[in-house]
Amino acid sequence: MILDDTSLEFDMFEDARQKLCQVFMLEGHLRRDAERLAFYVVQGVRDVPRFLVIVAEKVPKTVKRFCNFCNPSSEMRPG
């Protein structure tokens, strides 16, 4: 858990975790496994913005190349 989260952020992520847990249980996962999966998914979502900021600050050329690779302009796409 990250200590600088505001109460509202915590509530939002906790609500998402509980809903994901219910979905995983409806899909047939045991409660223990559903709780674990939901926790990992929500934790990963929480960390993505920080990860993107760090990557963009540390290696902007690499990120730009990666973005160009993932979303090439229409001229570069094979026809």
Foldseek 3Di string as FASTA:
>chain_A
DDPPDDPVRVVVLVVQLVVQLVVVVVVPDDSVVSSVVSVVVSVVVVCVVVVVVVCCVPPVVVVVVVVCVVPPDPVPDDD
